[in-house]
């Protein structure tokens, strides 16, 4: 029986995609749910799974072609599938990891929960390198997420990667097509600069109070919550509090109307092999520091693996970007439309500052707040950034809502 392999259904916001990679060729035997091809849209990459076991009999769409939702990409023949039955998958009890090896002197294999195993298989992670934190050393889903967030997973090269070996001759050049994501980012950046009156105000924050608090409680925090305490959660909390005080910064323009949002969906800029993506922390004001940290780490790991969904990158009322992780000392971030503001974090650097008439060395960070001057006046923009500075320099205010 001939089975059609079709493009996955796209959300309404996605018109078409590009077939970027075929993982199988005509004549290859495949199993049900095995990934056959990748279709890239301007937001995410969709994987095309095999609908059943079989052998690929034809490929109708070549790499690089534009495809529509539901379009037929290939056909496979179920009758040519191997007749040898596959062994039934072992049933894994999630609650009771094996305590010891039954025989032999080798180390027992680490127990992996079903959710963790699925993520390991999807992300090509070496399970032997993951430190399990569950009972008896079992590997949990959170362990896989944390492992990938550390950057130790295998990262597949992208089509835009250019090695030095690619350049030959005295005046070498190489032409590489822009990915759909890169095109979309370029379009949105031009849209932002051409449609909004963007200004940027700067300030600096003494990070010593936050660093001291983090140093004091980081071990207890990680032990209790299973995630590391970083700086981003403090910034997100400070941003939410400042947005409550200056609602125009959390607003957007829709035609001739200004829409004031009574919720705080904070976009977090994350780098990925395909380019910059901005997943959203929904209702960030209701999240704890631990929830913020765990969610951001999850975003980072899944951005590297290309597993973020369109829904997770849609919307947002304000954004935060951290160029400091790459060494940036100062920058002017560009607003993500239709938002009216974005906060830029930068590198923490020890600098001499004046305190009470004395010159002291403090870990300082420059902050940049880009805003749409059509909605936000200069006074509100400056005071918004000052509020963030004051909250970070006295982090007890965040907890006490002061």
Protein backbone atom coordinates (compact mmCIF):
# COMPACT_ATOMS: atom_id res chain seq x y z
CA UNK A 1 0.00 0.00 0.00
CA UNK A 2 1.35 3.42 -1.00
CA UNK A 3 1.38 6.04 1.74
CA UNK A 4 1.81 9.78 1.17
CA UNK A 5 4.27 11.79 3.24
CA UNK A 6 2.89 15.30 3.71
CA UNK A 7 4.05 18.63 5.09
CA UNK A 8 2.82 19.08 8.68
CA UNK A 9 -0.09 21.46 9.21
CA UNK A 10 1.17 25.01 9.75
CA UNK A 11 -0.43 27.45 12.20
CA UNK A 12 -2.44 30.30 10.67
CA UNK A 13 0.47 32.71 11.15
CA UNK A 14 2.72 30.61 8.86
CA UNK A 15 2.01 30.77 5.11
CA UNK A 16 4.66 28.41 3.75
CA UNK A 17 8.06 26.89 4.44
CA UNK A 18 11.27 25.71 2.83
CA UNK A 19 12.26 22.06 2.63
CA UNK A 20 15.82 22.37 3.91
CA UNK A 21 16.95 18.77 4.46
CA UNK A 22 16.08 15.24 3.40
CA UNK A 23 17.35 12.70 5.93
CA UNK A 24 16.33 9.74 3.75
CA UNK A 25 16.53 8.88 0.07
CA UNK A 26 14.55 6.74 -2.38
CA UNK A 27 14.93 3.07 -1.49
CA UNK A 28 15.63 3.67 2.20
CA UNK A 29 13.64 1.65 4.70
CA UNK A 30 12.04 3.74 7.44
CA UNK A 31 10.11 3.16 10.63
CA UNK A 32 6.96 4.91 11.75
CA UNK A 33 7.66 8.34 13.33
CA UNK A 34 11.26 8.33 12.03
CA UNK A 35 12.21 11.85 10.88
CA UNK A 36 12.38 12.01 7.09
CA UNK A 37 12.86 15.73 6.40
CA UNK A 38 13.01 19.22 7.94
CA UNK A 39 10.82 22.10 6.81
CA UNK A 40 11.93 25.55 7.92
CA UNK A 41 9.52 28.44 8.38
CA UNK A 42 10.26 31.99 9.42
CA UNK A 43 9.77 30.98 13.06
CA UNK A 44 10.55 27.30 13.68
CA UNK A 45 11.69 24.12 11.95
CA UNK A 46 9.04 21.42 11.49
CA UNK A 47 10.15 17.80 11.42
CA UNK A 48 8.39 15.54 8.92
CA UNK A 49 7.91 12.05 10.42
CA UNK A 50 7.22 8.84 8.54
CA UNK A 51 3.49 8.02 8.79
CA UNK A 52 4.23 4.26 8.96
CA UNK A 53 6.89 1.62 8.39
CA UNK A 54 7.88 1.20 4.77
CA UNK A 55 10.35 1.97 2.00
CA UNK A 56 10.57 5.36 0.29
CA UNK A 57 9.51 4.93 -3.33
CA UNK A 58 9.63 8.54 -4.51
CA UNK A 59 10.68 12.03 -3.44
CA UNK A 60 8.51 14.68 -5.07
CA UNK A 61 9.99 17.86 -3.59
CA UNK A 62 13.70 18.68 -3.66
CA UNK A 63 15.70 20.48 -1.00
CA UNK A 64 15.39 24.26 -1.16
CA UNK A 65 11.85 24.23 -2.57
CA UNK A 66 9.00 26.22 -1.04
CA UNK A 67 6.23 24.01 0.33
CA UNK A 68 2.71 24.56 1.62
CA UNK A 69 0.90 23.01 4.55
CA UNK A 70 -0.33 19.51 3.65
CA UNK A 71 1.64 19.31 0.40
CA UNK A 72 2.83 15.81 -0.59
CA UNK A 73 6.60 15.48 -0.23
CA UNK A 74 7.18 11.79 -0.92
CA UNK A 75 5.60 8.36 -1.02
CA UNK A 76 6.49 5.13 0.74
CA UNK A 77 5.38 1.54 0.23
CA UNK A 78 4.18 -0.30 3.31
CA UNK A 79 4.32 -3.66 1.51
CA UNK A 80 8.10 -3.40 1.19
CA UNK A 81 8.61 -2.94 4.90
CA UNK A 82 10.72 -5.62 6.56
CA UNK A 83 8.76 -8.66 7.68
CA UNK A 84 10.89 -9.23 10.77
CA UNK A 85 8.80 -8.16 13.75
CA UNK A 86 10.35 -5.57 16.02
CA UNK A 87 10.72 -6.59 19.66
CA UNK A 88 8.21 -4.99 21.98
CA UNK A 89 9.66 -2.03 23.86
CA UNK A 90 10.65 -2.73 27.42
CA UNK A 91 8.24 -1.40 30.01
CA UNK A 92 10.04 1.06 32.24
CA UNK A 93 8.76 1.82 35.70
CA UNK A 94 9.28 5.53 36.27
CA UNK A 95 9.07 5.33 40.06
CA UNK A 96 11.44 2.47 40.86
CA UNK A 97 14.95 2.66 39.40
CA UNK A 98 17.04 -0.53 39.68
CA UNK A 99 19.24 -0.51 42.77
CA UNK A 100 22.05 -2.85 41.65
CA UNK A 101 23.38 -4.81 38.70
CA UNK A 102 22.01 -8.37 38.61
CA UNK A 103 25.30 -9.98 37.56
CA UNK A 104 28.85 -9.08 36.59
CA UNK A 105 31.22 -6.44 37.86
CA UNK A 106 30.29 -3.64 35.46
CA UNK A 107 28.64 -0.42 36.58
CA UNK A 108 24.82 -0.58 36.48
CA UNK A 109 23.23 1.42 33.69
CA UNK A 110 21.63 4.62 34.95
CA UNK A 111 17.85 4.50 35.13
CA UNK A 112 16.23 6.98 32.75
CA UNK A 113 12.65 8.10 33.13
CA UNK A 114 10.48 7.87 29.99
CA UNK A 115 10.23 11.67 29.64
CA UNK A 116 14.01 12.02 29.94
CA UNK A 117 14.63 9.18 27.47
CA UNK A 118 12.38 10.79 24.88
CA UNK A 119 14.24 14.09 25.17
CA UNK A 120 17.62 12.32 24.97
CA UNK A 121 16.61 10.53 21.77
CA UNK A 122 15.21 13.69 20.18
CA UNK A 123 18.28 15.79 21.01
CA UNK A 124 21.09 13.28 20.28
CA UNK A 125 22.45 13.60 23.81
CA UNK A 126 24.92 11.09 25.26
CA UNK A 127 23.06 9.75 28.30
CA UNK A 128 26.31 8.52 29.88
CA UNK A 129 27.47 12.13 30.30
CA UNK A 130 24.36 13.19 32.22
CA UNK A 131 24.49 13.28 36.01
CA UNK A 132 21.21 11.96 37.38
CA UNK A 133 19.74 13.69 40.41
CA UNK A 134 16.77 11.38 40.95
CA UNK A 135 16.46 8.55 43.43
CA UNK A 136 19.36 6.13 43.07
CA UNK A 137 21.02 8.38 40.50
CA UNK A 138 18.16 8.08 38.01
CA UNK A 139 18.12 10.60 35.16
CA UNK A 140 15.15 12.95 35.17
CA UNK A 141 13.85 15.23 32.44
CA UNK A 142 15.23 18.21 34.36
CA UNK A 143 18.70 16.63 34.32
CA UNK A 144 18.61 16.45 30.51
CA UNK A 145 17.44 20.06 30.24
CA UNK A 146 20.21 21.26 32.56
CA UNK A 147 22.81 19.21 30.67
CA UNK A 148 21.81 20.67 27.30
CA UNK A 149 21.72 24.20 28.73
CA UNK A 150 25.39 23.84 29.67
CA UNK A 151 26.22 23.45 26.00
CA UNK A 152 27.65 19.95 26.24
CA UNK A 153 25.21 18.38 23.83
CA UNK A 154 26.08 17.76 20.20
CA UNK A 155 25.15 20.71 18.03
CA UNK A 156 24.37 19.98 14.41
CA UNK A 157 25.96 22.38 11.93
CA UNK A 158 23.61 24.77 10.19
CA UNK A 159 23.54 25.61 6.52
CA UNK A 160 24.80 29.09 7.33
CA UNK A 161 27.98 27.83 9.00
CA UNK A 162 31.08 28.75 7.02
CA UNK A 163 34.46 27.23 7.77
CA UNK A 164 37.80 28.71 6.79
CA UNK A 165 38.33 25.74 4.48
CA UNK A 166 35.50 27.06 2.31
CA UNK A 167 37.58 30.03 1.21
CA UNK A 168 40.21 29.52 -1.48
CA UNK A 169 42.09 31.89 -3.75
CA UNK A 170 43.49 35.37 -3.23
CA UNK A 171 40.16 37.19 -2.86
CA UNK A 172 37.70 34.47 -1.80
CA UNK A 173 33.95 34.85 -1.45
CA UNK A 174 31.16 32.47 -0.59
CA UNK A 175 27.47 33.08 -1.23
CA UNK A 176 25.07 31.46 1.26
CA UNK A 177 21.26 31.85 1.06
CA UNK A 178 19.69 33.49 4.08
CA UNK A 179 17.58 31.17 6.20
CA UNK A 180 13.92 32.01 6.59
CA UNK A 181 14.52 32.89 10.23
CA UNK A 182 17.34 35.27 9.30
CA UNK A 183 15.13 36.88 6.67
CA UNK A 184 12.31 37.29 9.17
CA UNK A 185 14.64 38.80 11.78
CA UNK A 186 15.95 41.25 9.17
CA UNK A 187 12.40 42.22 8.17
CA UNK A 188 11.33 42.81 11.76
CA UNK A 189 14.41 44.87 12.56
CA UNK A 190 13.78 47.12 9.56
CA UNK A 191 10.10 47.29 10.46
CA UNK A 192 10.98 48.32 14.01
CA UNK A 193 13.35 51.07 12.93
CA UNK A 194 11.05 52.42 10.22
CA UNK A 195 7.75 52.31 12.12
CA UNK A 196 8.75 53.31 15.68
CA UNK A 197 10.42 56.40 17.12
CA UNK A 198 13.17 54.53 18.96
CA UNK A 199 15.28 56.26 21.59
CA UNK A 200 17.63 54.69 24.16
CA UNK A 201 18.41 55.83 27.69
CA UNK A 202 21.31 54.43 29.72
CA UNK A 203 22.15 53.88 33.36
CA UNK A 204 24.45 51.68 35.40
CA UNK A 205 23.75 49.34 38.28
CA UNK A 206 25.96 48.15 41.12
CA UNK A 207 25.60 44.37 40.96
CA UNK A 208 27.30 43.71 44.31
CA UNK A 209 24.04 43.29 46.33
CA UNK A 210 22.59 40.77 43.88
CA UNK A 211 25.93 38.96 43.57
CA UNK A 212 26.24 38.73 47.35
CA UNK A 213 22.69 37.40 47.71
CA UNK A 214 23.28 34.89 44.94
CA UNK A 215 26.57 33.73 46.43
CA UNK A 216 25.01 33.27 49.86
CA UNK A 217 22.02 31.20 48.77
CA UNK A 218 22.99 29.60 45.43
CA UNK A 219 23.77 26.16 46.90
CA UNK A 220 20.63 26.01 49.03
CA UNK A 221 18.58 27.37 46.12
CA UNK A 222 19.84 24.72 43.69
CA UNK A 223 19.41 21.95 46.25
CA UNK A 224 15.78 22.91 46.91
CA UNK A 225 14.63 23.90 43.44
CA UNK A 226 16.86 21.79 41.19
CA UNK A 227 18.00 24.76 39.12
CA UNK A 228 20.81 27.27 39.44
CA UNK A 229 20.21 30.81 40.65
CA UNK A 230 21.31 33.22 37.95
CA UNK A 231 21.02 36.95 37.39
CA UNK A 232 18.22 36.88 34.83
CA UNK A 233 15.48 36.05 37.34
CA UNK A 234 16.35 39.18 39.36
CA UNK A 235 16.17 41.30 36.21
CA UNK A 236 12.85 39.80 35.13
CA UNK A 237 11.36 40.45 38.56
CA UNK A 238 12.70 44.01 38.58
CA UNK A 239 11.32 44.60 35.08
CA UNK A 240 7.85 43.36 36.09
CA UNK A 241 7.78 45.65 39.12
CA UNK A 242 8.95 48.64 37.07
CA UNK A 243 6.33 47.91 34.39
CA UNK A 244 3.62 48.04 37.07
CA UNK A 245 4.76 51.56 37.95
CA UNK A 246 5.04 52.72 34.32
CA UNK A 247 2.26 50.94 32.36
CA UNK A 248 2.98 52.90 29.17
CA UNK A 249 6.23 50.92 28.80
CA UNK A 250 4.13 47.73 28.81
CA UNK A 251 1.77 49.08 26.14
CA UNK A 252 1.62 48.81 22.36
CA UNK A 253 0.11 50.73 19.45
CA UNK A 254 -2.73 49.21 17.43
CA UNK A 255 -3.76 51.58 14.66
CA UNK A 256 -4.80 54.81 16.36
CA UNK A 257 -5.18 53.13 19.76
CA UNK A 258 -2.77 52.51 22.61
CA UNK A 259 -3.30 49.08 24.19
CA UNK A 260 -2.31 48.89 27.85
CA UNK A 261 -1.61 45.31 28.90
CA UNK A 262 -2.62 44.24 32.41
CA UNK A 263 -0.28 41.25 32.27
CA UNK A 264 3.48 40.92 31.88
CA UNK A 265 4.68 38.55 29.16
CA UNK A 266 8.44 39.02 29.04
CA UNK A 267 10.40 37.98 25.96
CA UNK A 268 13.86 36.57 26.65
CA UNK A 269 16.31 36.83 23.74
CA UNK A 270 18.06 33.47 23.24
CA UNK A 271 20.75 32.55 20.73
CA UNK A 272 20.32 29.40 18.65
CA UNK A 273 22.17 27.77 15.72
CA UNK A 274 19.53 29.29 13.41
CA UNK A 275 19.76 32.79 14.86
CA UNK A 276 18.15 34.88 17.57
CA UNK A 277 14.79 33.74 18.96
CA UNK A 278 12.66 35.34 21.69
CA UNK A 279 10.55 32.87 23.68
CA UNK A 280 8.04 34.37 26.11
CA UNK A 281 7.71 34.06 29.88
CA UNK A 282 3.92 34.21 30.21
CA UNK A 283 2.61 36.03 33.29
CA UNK A 284 6.16 36.51 34.52
CA UNK A 285 4.99 38.59 37.47
CA UNK A 286 3.36 35.45 38.92
CA UNK A 287 6.46 33.29 38.57
CA UNK A 288 8.96 32.62 41.35
CA UNK A 289 12.69 33.13 40.88
CA UNK A 290 13.10 29.36 40.58
CA UNK A 291 10.36 29.08 37.95
CA UNK A 292 11.92 31.88 35.93
CA UNK A 293 15.39 30.32 36.05
CA UNK A 294 14.15 26.83 35.18
CA UNK A 295 12.02 28.10 32.30
CA UNK A 296 14.82 30.19 30.82
CA UNK A 297 17.22 27.24 31.01
CA UNK A 298 14.60 25.10 29.29
CA UNK A 299 14.20 27.76 26.60
CA UNK A 300 17.97 27.84 26.05
CA UNK A 301 18.29 24.06 25.76
CA UNK A 302 15.34 23.71 23.39
CA UNK A 303 16.47 26.69 21.30
CA UNK A 304 19.77 24.88 20.71
CA UNK A 305 17.88 21.72 19.78
CA UNK A 306 15.37 23.62 17.59
CA UNK A 307 12.46 22.43 19.73
CA UNK A 308 10.76 25.74 20.57
CA UNK A 309 7.19 26.03 19.32
CA UNK A 310 5.66 28.98 17.49
CA UNK A 311 3.27 29.58 20.38
CA UNK A 312 6.22 29.98 22.76
CA UNK A 313 7.71 32.72 20.57
CA UNK A 314 4.51 34.61 19.82
CA UNK A 315 3.35 37.69 21.71
CA UNK A 316 5.16 39.39 24.55
CA UNK A 317 4.69 42.84 26.06
CA UNK A 318 8.35 43.67 26.83
CA UNK A 319 11.71 42.03 26.11
CA UNK A 320 15.06 41.53 27.84
CA UNK A 321 18.31 40.79 26.02
CA UNK A 322 21.70 40.04 27.56
CA UNK A 323 24.65 40.91 25.37
CA UNK A 324 26.89 40.67 28.40
CA UNK A 325 27.19 36.90 28.01
CA UNK A 326 29.15 37.60 24.82
CA UNK A 327 31.24 40.38 26.37
CA UNK A 328 29.25 43.41 25.23
CA UNK A 329 29.89 46.44 27.45
CA UNK A 330 27.19 48.67 25.97
CA UNK A 331 24.66 48.52 23.13
CA UNK A 332 21.36 49.99 21.93
CA UNK A 333 18.88 47.10 21.64
CA UNK A 334 16.14 47.29 19.00
CA UNK A 335 12.49 47.00 20.02
CA UNK A 336 10.59 43.87 19.05
CA UNK A 337 7.37 45.27 17.50
CA UNK A 338 4.63 45.85 18.49
CA UNK A 339 6.23 46.15 21.93
CA UNK A 340 7.25 49.60 23.11
CA UNK A 341 10.38 48.73 25.09
CA UNK A 342 13.35 46.41 25.57
CA UNK A 343 15.99 46.21 28.30
CA UNK A 344 19.59 45.52 27.37
CA UNK A 345 21.87 43.87 29.96
CA UNK A 346 25.64 43.97 29.55
CA UNK A 347 28.91 42.64 30.91
CA UNK A 348 29.57 42.98 34.63
CA UNK A 349 32.90 44.76 35.00
CA UNK A 350 34.71 46.06 38.06
CA UNK A 351 35.06 49.84 37.89
CA UNK A 352 35.98 52.64 40.31
CA UNK A 353 32.91 54.49 41.57
CA UNK A 354 32.33 57.19 44.17
CA UNK A 355 30.47 56.20 47.34
CA UNK A 356 30.11 58.59 50.28
CA UNK A 357 33.01 60.67 49.06
CA UNK A 358 35.30 57.64 48.63
CA UNK A 359 36.48 55.88 45.48
CA UNK A 360 35.70 52.16 45.67
CA UNK A 361 35.76 49.27 43.22
CA UNK A 362 32.35 47.78 42.43
CA UNK A 363 31.02 45.21 39.91
CA UNK A 364 29.09 47.48 37.59
CA UNK A 365 26.78 46.82 34.65
CA UNK A 366 25.55 49.28 32.06
CA UNK A 367 21.82 49.05 31.36
CA UNK A 368 20.12 50.25 28.18
CA UNK A 369 16.39 50.88 27.79
CA UNK A 370 15.23 51.38 24.20
CA UNK A 371 11.68 52.67 23.96
CA UNK A 372 9.09 53.85 21.45
CA UNK A 373 8.86 57.60 21.93
CA UNK A 374 5.40 57.61 20.33
CA UNK A 375 4.06 55.99 23.51
CA UNK A 376 6.70 56.55 26.17
CA UNK A 377 7.92 60.01 27.11
CA UNK A 378 11.53 60.56 28.07
CA UNK A 379 10.64 61.12 31.73
CA UNK A 380 8.81 57.78 31.99
CA UNK A 381 11.58 55.93 30.16
CA UNK A 382 14.29 57.30 32.44
CA UNK A 383 12.32 56.70 35.65
CA UNK A 384 11.49 53.17 34.49
CA UNK A 385 15.20 52.39 34.17
CA UNK A 386 15.97 54.09 37.47
CA UNK A 387 13.34 51.89 39.15
CA UNK A 388 15.07 48.77 37.79
CA UNK A 389 18.41 50.08 39.05
CA UNK A 390 17.05 50.76 42.55
CA UNK A 391 15.38 47.34 42.78
CA UNK A 392 18.57 45.54 41.78
CA UNK A 393 20.77 47.54 44.13
CA UNK A 394 18.41 46.68 47.00
CA UNK A 395 16.96 43.28 45.97
CA UNK A 396 14.96 42.99 49.22
CA UNK A 397 12.57 45.50 47.59
CA UNK A 398 11.67 42.85 45.01
CA UNK A 399 10.66 40.37 47.70
CA UNK A 400 8.90 42.97 49.85
CA UNK A 401 7.15 44.68 46.92
CA UNK A 402 8.57 48.09 47.87
